[in-house]
């Protein structure tokens, strides 16, 4: 029906969005936090701050870094020791 009425067909494989795991999403947010820390020298990120990262070979993405940092602080008890170490290494203050 979509093809006949609207003239659109199913998406090809290269048009479909790539699925990202929770670990991939955490790693991308961590990279945004790391860049923020390198630029600003702290992780006192305003709650509504959005960090834009992207390279020459990848599209620019927006990360709601302020909300993510706040969530990591509030979930500190459930974070893996590895993730806590990584965040602590870039200046995360847990309280």
Protein backbone atom coordinates (compact mmCIF):
# COMPACT_ATOMS: atom_id res chain seq x y z
CA UNK A 1 0.00 0.00 0.00
CA UNK A 2 2.83 2.45 0.87
CA UNK A 3 4.49 1.73 -2.44
CA UNK A 4 1.31 2.25 -4.44
CA UNK A 5 -0.09 5.27 -2.64
CA UNK A 6 3.02 7.11 -1.47
CA UNK A 7 5.59 5.71 -3.86
CA UNK A 8 7.96 4.58 -1.13
CA UNK A 9 9.53 1.18 -0.65
CA UNK A 10 11.29 -0.62 2.15
CA UNK A 11 14.65 0.72 3.28
CA UNK A 12 17.75 -0.89 1.85
CA UNK A 13 20.38 -2.34 4.19
CA UNK A 14 22.57 0.80 4.03
CA UNK A 15 19.58 3.05 4.85
CA UNK A 16 18.63 1.19 8.03
CA UNK A 17 19.90 2.69 11.30
CA UNK A 18 22.62 0.80 13.10
CA UNK A 19 21.62 -0.70 16.43
CA UNK A 20 23.74 0.27 19.38
CA UNK A 21 24.09 -1.77 22.54
CA UNK A 22 23.90 -0.20 25.98
CA UNK A 23 27.67 -0.69 26.26
CA UNK A 24 28.16 1.22 22.99
CA UNK A 25 25.96 4.06 24.21
CA UNK A 26 27.81 4.21 27.53
CA UNK A 27 31.14 4.32 25.70
CA UNK A 28 29.97 7.17 23.45
CA UNK A 29 28.73 9.17 26.45
CA UNK A 30 31.99 8.48 28.26
CA UNK A 31 33.91 9.79 25.24
CA UNK A 32 31.78 12.96 25.33
CA UNK A 33 32.52 13.33 29.07
CA UNK A 34 36.23 12.81 28.45
CA UNK A 35 36.28 15.51 25.76
CA UNK A 36 34.39 17.89 28.04
CA UNK A 37 36.89 17.23 30.83
CA UNK A 38 39.88 17.77 28.53
CA UNK A 39 38.41 21.07 27.33
CA UNK A 40 37.02 22.42 30.63
CA UNK A 41 39.19 20.71 33.26
CA UNK A 42 36.23 19.47 35.33
CA UNK A 43 33.03 17.43 35.12
CA UNK A 44 30.70 19.94 36.76
CA UNK A 45 28.43 19.75 33.74
CA UNK A 46 25.19 21.78 33.79
CA UNK A 47 22.19 19.43 33.77
CA UNK A 48 20.96 20.65 30.36
CA UNK A 49 24.36 20.68 28.63
CA UNK A 50 24.54 18.92 25.25
CA UNK A 51 27.94 17.85 23.96
CA UNK A 52 28.34 17.49 20.22
CA UNK A 53 30.97 15.07 19.02
CA UNK A 54 31.78 13.68 15.63
CA UNK A 55 34.72 13.23 13.38
CA UNK A 56 35.54 13.53 9.74
CA UNK A 57 34.51 9.93 9.09
CA UNK A 58 31.41 9.92 11.30
CA UNK A 59 28.30 12.01 11.66
CA UNK A 60 28.03 14.56 14.43
CA UNK A 61 26.03 13.29 17.40
CA UNK A 62 24.49 15.14 20.30
CA UNK A 63 24.94 13.70 23.78
CA UNK A 64 22.87 14.97 26.70
CA UNK A 65 25.99 14.99 28.81
CA UNK A 66 24.65 16.89 31.81
CA UNK A 67 21.81 14.43 32.32
CA UNK A 68 24.12 11.46 31.72
CA UNK A 69 26.67 12.67 34.30
CA UNK A 70 23.88 13.19 36.85
CA UNK A 71 22.55 9.70 36.15
CA UNK A 72 25.98 8.15 36.62
CA UNK A 73 26.33 9.89 39.98
CA UNK A 74 22.92 8.72 41.15
CA UNK A 75 23.60 5.15 39.97
CA UNK A 76 27.10 4.91 41.45
CA UNK A 77 26.10 1.98 43.64
CA UNK A 78 25.19 -0.09 40.58
CA UNK A 79 28.04 0.90 38.26
CA UNK A 80 30.74 -1.65 37.58
CA UNK A 81 34.08 -0.96 39.26
CA UNK A 82 35.62 -0.59 35.79
CA UNK A 83 33.19 2.19 34.83
CA UNK A 84 33.66 3.93 38.17
CA UNK A 85 37.44 3.86 37.67
CA UNK A 86 37.15 5.29 34.18
CA UNK A 87 34.93 8.15 35.37
CA UNK A 88 37.09 8.81 38.43
CA UNK A 89 40.16 9.02 36.19
CA UNK A 90 38.66 11.98 34.36
CA UNK A 91 37.66 13.88 37.45
CA UNK A 92 34.22 12.58 38.38
CA UNK A 93 33.08 13.77 41.81
CA UNK A 94 30.62 11.28 43.24
CA UNK A 95 28.81 13.53 45.68
